């Protein structure tokens, strides 16, 4: 599996789940709870494969270093907002606002990654290297998903 295609597929899945949550209100507690659990699980695995495999490989290249450092910080911001959401009841007035902030940060991060970072990856890595990174990321993703399901 090509690394960039793997990430793009994850991004599309995450955006779809986010859109399900976006349309909910304080009365949609069950829906919020169900879809927030899904998006959180997806994000934790996605962040892990990027931070453990792709980002370190990319960070070795001087032209990509600043982009990678920014991506780590964007992950950190989303993690902080998620931690606040975790502490907020699904029917609380502020839950939707916190979710919107998380969603907007994620959309920005995804857009930047799919344009600037993917372009950098294509310049730095050849097709075989992207395939090898993708295979490693896919294996790690499966491993993390099994762990979270247990």
Foldseek 3Di string as FASTA:
>chain_A
DQQLVVLVVLLVVLLVLLVQLLPDALVPQVSNVVSVVVNVLSLVLSVCLCVVFVLVVLCVDPVCVVVSVVLVVLSVVLVVLVVVLVVDRSNDPCNSVSSVVSSVSSVVSSVCCSPVVVVSCPVPDPRVVSVVSNVVSVVSSVVSVVVVVD
